[in-house]
Amino acid sequence: MLIKDTSFIDKPLLAQGKVRNIYDLGDSLLLVVTDRISAFDVIFDELIPDKGRVLSSISAFWFDFTKDVIPNHVITTDVSKYPQGFDKYAAELEGRSMLVKKAQMLPAECIVRGYLEGSALKEYKANGTVGGIKMPEGMVQGDKLPEPLFTPSTKADEGHDINITYEQLVDLIGEEDASALRDASLALYKKVSEYALTKGLILADTKFEFGKIDGVLSVCDEMFTPDSSRFWDAKDYQPGRAQKSFDKQFLREWLETLDWDKTYPAPHLPQEIIDKTAEKYRECYRLLTGKEI
């Protein structure tokens, strides 16, 4: 079952992101993950089979796996335990939704980078730095950084997030919260990157969103999904080139071959690209969890 929108739910929509739709249920929120896909901040017309179920299920896996590191916002992913009236949507919501606690979200994207790729690579080539921090000379694409780096960014409602320094994050939210975000982000990356390696995957980088629930810092939204993280094939890892990835980097690289200015409207996705992208998501879930979607 492919889900593009959630208009079948007869409740007021609180917010719609590129992929997630959010419903306010009073003392909780319902997050529904569609099969939409975006790249370069543009949403495509085509849907990716099983994408929503992969993203929601893999987040649920990680929220449980990391609950000893930091609390999270999950109440349940069991549709039968959702508030009254949602049972009639069980077929549509199963595997692609979660009931969560409301949180006072902090206005930052918390990024941890373990390897030189993406915007970190561009910054390094220009300035020899990553997140404003000086790096060794002579590094190449895909190189492992001397240590994982916390490189926050602003959280934009529209358009691109903007990378900021830790000092700018302190100015934005204060030293106590900035320090807590950095420590939690690095601890989460350490635990999951070590686990991923045992499954043959390198966690190159990832991003988180945090909020406070009853005053307690908690991780929210999504965790270590192929949309929010770069996972590479450890067996195929070779610095100096793009890596074999299990995320939407495959789609981005294909889009780079087109004559497209990365603005709306998005180009048409051929069936072959849709199928390959879907399999990347399924394989990532399969490798990390040992389960089939």
Protein backbone atom coordinates (compact mmCIF):
# COMPACT_ATOMS: atom_id res chain seq x y z
CA MET A 1 0.00 0.00 0.00
CA LEU A 2 1.45 3.34 -1.10
CA ILE A 3 0.55 6.41 0.97
CA LYS A 4 1.05 9.89 -0.52
CA ASP A 5 -1.12 11.86 1.89
CA THR A 6 -3.20 11.13 4.98
CA SER A 7 -6.46 12.81 4.02
CA PHE A 8 -8.21 9.54 4.92
CA ILE A 9 -7.79 10.51 8.60
CA ASP A 10 -10.77 12.66 9.67
CA LYS A 11 -8.74 14.66 12.19
CA PRO A 12 -7.21 18.14 11.76
CA LEU A 13 -3.66 18.02 10.42
CA LEU A 14 -1.25 19.85 12.75
CA ALA A 15 1.75 19.93 10.42
CA GLN A 16 3.02 18.40 7.21
CA GLY A 17 6.71 17.90 6.54
CA LYS A 18 8.39 16.61 3.42
CA VAL A 19 7.66 13.04 4.49
CA ARG A 20 5.79 13.08 7.83
CA ASN A 21 2.27 14.23 8.66
CA ILE A 22 1.52 15.13 12.28
CA TYR A 23 -1.82 15.06 14.10
CA ASP A 24 -2.51 16.71 17.46
CA LEU A 25 -4.45 14.31 19.68
CA GLY A 26 -4.58 16.57 22.72
CA ASP A 27 -2.02 15.17 25.14
CA SER A 28 -0.07 13.36 22.40
CA LEU A 29 0.85 13.51 18.71
CA LEU A 30 0.41 10.96 15.95
CA LEU A 31 3.27 10.82 13.45
CA VAL A 32 2.43 9.21 10.12
CA VAL A 33 5.25 8.54 7.65
CA THR A 34 4.21 8.66 3.99
CA ASP A 35 6.03 7.19 0.99
CA ARG A 36 6.97 10.64 -0.31
CA ILE A 37 10.61 11.32 -1.05
CA SER A 38 12.52 14.58 -1.24
CA ALA A 39 15.99 15.49 -2.39
CA PHE A 40 17.68 18.88 -2.29
CA ASP A 41 14.61 20.05 -0.32
CA VAL A 42 12.26 19.34 -3.25
CA ILE A 43 9.44 16.80 -2.91
CA PHE A 44 8.92 14.43 -5.85
CA ASP A 45 5.57 13.39 -7.32
CA GLU A 46 6.54 9.71 -7.37
CA LEU A 47 6.30 7.53 -4.27
CA ILE A 48 8.87 5.00 -3.03
CA PRO A 49 7.32 1.62 -2.08
CA ASP A 50 7.75 0.67 1.60
CA LYS A 51 9.68 3.87 2.36
CA GLY A 52 7.30 5.07 5.05
CA ARG A 53 7.25 1.69 6.75
CA VAL A 54 11.06 1.48 6.67
CA LEU A 55 11.51 4.94 8.18
CA SER A 56 8.93 4.47 10.93
CA SER A 57 10.01 0.91 11.80
CA ILE A 58 13.72 1.68 11.84
CA SER A 59 13.14 4.73 14.05
CA ALA A 60 11.13 2.58 16.45
CA PHE A 61 13.99 0.05 16.50
CA TRP A 62 16.55 2.74 17.36
CA PHE A 63 14.38 4.50 19.94
CA ASP A 64 14.19 1.20 21.82
CA PHE A 65 17.89 0.40 21.27
CA THR A 66 19.07 3.75 22.65
CA LYS A 67 16.61 4.26 25.52
CA ASP A 68 19.45 3.65 28.00
CA VAL A 69 21.35 6.60 26.50
CA ILE A 70 18.56 9.19 26.53
CA PRO A 71 14.76 9.20 26.87
CA ASN A 72 12.64 9.50 23.73
CA HIS A 73 9.12 10.59 22.85
CA VAL A 74 7.61 7.22 21.84
CA ILE A 75 4.42 6.06 23.56
CA THR A 76 3.56 3.16 21.27
CA THR A 77 3.66 1.95 17.66
CA ASP A 78 0.81 -0.51 18.28
CA VAL A 79 -2.16 0.85 16.34
CA SER A 80 -4.57 -1.09 18.58
CA LYS A 81 -3.38 1.12 21.48
CA TYR A 82 -4.01 4.39 19.67
CA PRO A 83 -6.90 6.59 20.90
CA GLN A 84 -10.44 5.53 20.09
CA GLY A 85 -11.43 5.90 16.47
CA PHE A 86 -8.07 5.16 14.91
CA ASP A 87 -8.72 1.42 14.66
CA LYS A 88 -10.56 2.02 11.39
CA TYR A 89 -7.27 3.21 9.88
CA ALA A 90 -5.28 0.20 11.10
CA ALA A 91 -4.40 -1.09 7.62
CA GLU A 92 -3.07 2.28 6.52
CA LEU A 93 -1.22 3.14 9.76
CA GLU A 94 0.28 -0.24 10.63
CA GLY A 95 4.08 -0.07 10.48
CA ARG A 96 4.23 3.56 9.37
CA SER A 97 3.07 5.52 12.43
CA MET A 98 3.79 6.12 16.09
CA LEU A 99 2.01 7.77 18.98
CA VAL A 100 4.40 10.14 20.76
CA LYS A 101 4.56 12.52 23.69
CA LYS A 102 4.47 16.22 23.04
CA ALA A 103 7.83 17.93 23.48
CA GLN A 104 9.09 21.48 23.60
CA MET A 105 11.45 21.22 20.63
CA LEU A 106 14.83 22.91 20.65
CA PRO A 107 15.58 25.02 17.54
CA ALA A 108 18.59 23.09 16.22
CA GLU A 109 19.50 20.14 14.05
CA CYS A 110 22.13 18.10 15.89
CA ILE A 111 24.53 16.55 13.39
CA VAL A 112 27.35 14.13 14.17
CA ARG A 113 29.95 13.45 11.49
CA GLY A 114 32.36 10.54 11.64
CA TYR A 115 33.57 10.69 8.04
CA LEU A 116 34.33 13.35 5.45
CA GLU A 117 31.34 13.59 3.12
CA GLY A 118 28.55 15.94 2.04
CA SER A 119 28.70 19.52 3.26
CA ALA A 120 31.61 18.61 5.53
CA LEU A 121 33.64 17.64 2.46
CA LYS A 122 32.75 20.93 0.75
CA GLU A 123 33.78 22.92 3.83
CA TYR A 124 37.04 20.99 4.16
CA LYS A 125 37.95 21.58 0.51
CA ALA A 126 37.28 25.29 0.92
CA ASN A 127 38.75 25.96 4.36
CA GLY A 128 40.45 22.82 5.71
CA THR A 129 37.84 22.71 8.47
CA VAL A 130 34.72 20.73 9.45
CA GLY A 131 32.19 22.60 11.56
CA GLY A 132 34.77 25.35 11.90
CA ILE A 133 37.26 22.91 13.43
CA LYS A 134 40.67 22.56 11.77
CA MET A 135 41.27 19.11 10.25
CA PRO A 136 44.51 17.38 9.20
CA GLU A 137 45.84 18.25 5.76
CA GLY A 138 45.53 15.85 2.84
CA MET A 139 42.20 14.27 3.73
CA VAL A 140 40.07 12.87 0.90
CA GLN A 141 36.38 12.11 0.37
CA GLY A 142 35.17 9.41 2.74
CA ASP A 143 38.12 9.60 5.13
CA LYS A 144 37.39 8.82 8.76
CA LEU A 145 37.68 11.94 10.90
CA PRO A 146 40.15 11.92 13.83
CA GLU A 147 37.10 11.74 16.10
CA PRO A 148 33.35 12.14 15.62
CA LEU A 149 32.38 15.81 15.45
CA PHE A 150 29.23 17.53 16.67
CA THR A 151 28.31 20.08 13.98
CA PRO A 152 24.90 21.67 14.64
CA SER A 153 22.76 23.61 12.21
CA THR A 154 19.74 25.85 12.40
CA LYS A 155 16.36 24.22 11.82
CA ALA A 156 14.59 25.87 8.90
CA ASP A 157 10.85 25.49 8.35
CA GLU A 158 11.47 26.11 4.66
CA GLY A 159 14.59 25.97 2.52
CA HIS A 160 18.00 24.84 3.67
CA ASP A 161 19.30 24.53 7.22
CA ILE A 162 22.42 26.60 7.91
CA ASN A 163 25.48 25.05 9.57
CA ILE A 164 26.55 26.88 12.73
CA THR A 165 29.43 26.53 15.18
CA TYR A 166 29.05 25.18 18.70
CA GLU A 167 29.61 28.72 19.99
CA GLN A 168 26.71 29.96 17.86
CA LEU A 169 24.55 27.16 19.27
CA VAL A 170 25.43 28.35 22.78
CA ASP A 171 24.32 31.86 21.80
CA LEU A 172 21.07 30.39 20.45
CA ILE A 173 19.98 28.13 23.31
CA GLY A 174 22.46 28.63 26.17
CA GLU A 175 25.50 26.72 27.41
CA GLU A 176 23.64 24.13 29.49
CA ASP A 177 21.32 22.97 26.69
CA ALA A 178 24.04 23.19 24.02
CA SER A 179 26.36 21.02 26.09
CA ALA A 180 23.57 18.50 26.75
CA LEU A 181 22.73 18.28 23.03
CA ARG A 182 26.38 17.75 22.10
CA ASP A 183 26.95 15.04 24.72
CA ALA A 184 23.72 13.19 23.88
CA SER A 185 24.38 13.35 20.12
CA LEU A 186 27.91 12.00 20.44
CA ALA A 187 26.80 9.23 22.84
CA LEU A 188 24.04 8.15 20.45
CA TYR A 189 26.39 8.14 17.48
CA LYS A 190 28.98 6.09 19.37
CA LYS A 191 26.53 3.38 20.41
CA VAL A 192 24.82 3.02 17.03
CA SER A 193 27.97 3.32 14.87
CA GLU A 194 29.60 0.52 16.87
CA TYR A 195 26.49 -1.64 16.45
CA ALA A 196 26.22 -0.85 12.73
CA LEU A 197 29.79 -2.05 12.14
CA THR A 198 28.83 -5.47 13.51
CA LYS A 199 26.20 -5.56 10.73
CA GLY A 200 28.67 -4.58 8.01
CA LEU A 201 27.62 -0.93 7.83
CA ILE A 202 29.53 2.29 8.47
CA LEU A 203 27.51 5.13 9.96
CA ALA A 204 29.16 8.10 8.24
CA ASP A 205 26.99 10.81 9.73
CA THR A 206 23.56 11.40 11.19
CA LYS A 207 21.29 14.10 12.56
CA PHE A 208 18.87 14.35 15.46
CA GLU A 209 16.20 16.61 16.85
CA PHE A 210 15.72 17.03 20.58
CA GLY A 211 13.04 18.45 22.79
CA LYS A 212 12.13 18.61 26.45
CA ILE A 213 9.31 16.46 27.83
CA ASP A 214 8.32 17.56 31.34
CA GLY A 215 11.66 19.35 31.47
CA VAL A 216 13.68 16.25 30.53
CA LEU A 217 15.83 16.30 27.38
CA SER A 218 14.54 13.67 24.96
CA VAL A 219 15.30 12.64 21.38
CA CYS A 220 12.34 13.08 19.03
CA ASP A 221 11.14 12.86 15.43
CA GLU A 222 13.27 10.15 13.73
CA MET A 223 16.51 8.30 14.49
CA PHE A 224 19.22 6.77 12.30
CA THR A 225 16.99 6.37 9.28
CA PRO A 226 18.22 6.31 5.67
CA ASP A 227 16.73 9.83 5.39
CA SER A 228 18.64 11.27 8.34
CA SER A 229 21.87 9.26 8.13
CA ARG A 230 24.51 8.03 5.70
CA PHE A 231 25.08 4.27 5.95
CA TRP A 232 27.92 2.80 3.86
CA ASP A 233 28.85 -0.77 2.96
CA ALA A 234 31.88 -1.51 5.17
CA LYS A 235 33.19 -4.22 2.82
CA ASP A 236 33.24 -1.79 -0.08
CA TYR A 237 34.65 1.16 1.89
CA GLN A 238 37.48 2.95 0.13
CA PRO A 239 38.34 6.62 0.82
CA GLY A 240 38.88 8.88 -2.15
CA ARG A 241 35.53 8.28 -3.85
CA ALA A 242 31.80 8.12 -3.20
CA GLN A 243 30.87 5.07 -1.13
CA LYS A 244 28.25 2.39 -1.73
CA SER A 245 25.40 3.70 0.39
CA PHE A 246 22.11 2.46 1.82
CA ASP A 247 20.22 5.73 1.82
CA LYS A 248 18.89 8.27 -0.65
CA GLN A 249 22.40 9.27 -1.68
CA PHE A 250 21.82 6.91 -4.64
CA LEU A 251 18.94 9.15 -5.73
CA ARG A 252 20.94 12.34 -5.19
CA GLU A 253 23.80 11.03 -7.32
CA TRP A 254 21.41 10.13 -10.15
CA LEU A 255 19.83 13.57 -9.94
CA GLU A 256 23.27 15.18 -10.22
CA THR A 257 23.54 13.67 -13.72
CA LEU A 258 20.47 15.62 -14.88
CA ASP A 259 20.13 19.13 -16.19
CA TRP A 260 18.07 20.22 -13.16
CA ASP A 261 18.57 23.34 -11.06
CA LYS A 262 17.37 21.62 -7.84
CA THR A 263 14.27 23.78 -7.57
CA TYR A 264 10.57 22.92 -7.91
CA PRO A 265 9.23 21.22 -9.97
CA ALA A 266 11.16 18.00 -9.46
CA PRO A 267 12.08 15.86 -12.46
CA HIS A 268 10.20 12.64 -13.20
CA LEU A 269 11.67 9.54 -11.56
CA PRO A 270 11.90 6.51 -13.90
CA GLN A 271 10.58 3.20 -12.55
CA GLU A 272 14.13 1.79 -12.41
CA ILE A 273 15.24 4.60 -10.07
CA ILE A 274 12.12 4.16 -7.92
CA ASP A 275 12.74 0.41 -7.60
CA LYS A 276 16.46 0.78 -6.81
CA THR A 277 15.77 3.48 -4.23
CA ALA A 278 13.11 1.33 -2.57
CA GLU A 279 15.51 -1.61 -2.37
CA LYS A 280 18.19 0.58 -0.77
CA TYR A 281 15.75 1.44 2.02
CA ARG A 282 14.61 -2.16 2.48
CA GLU A 283 18.18 -3.47 2.52
CA CYS A 284 19.27 -0.93 5.12
CA TYR A 285 16.42 -2.02 7.39
CA ARG A 286 17.15 -5.70 6.75
CA LEU A 287 20.88 -5.39 7.50
CA LEU A 288 20.44 -3.35 10.68
CA THR A 289 17.48 -5.14 12.24
CA GLY A 290 17.69 -8.64 10.77
CA LYS A 291 14.01 -8.35 9.80
CA GLU A 292 12.13 -8.01 6.54
CA ILE A 293 9.82 -5.06 6.03
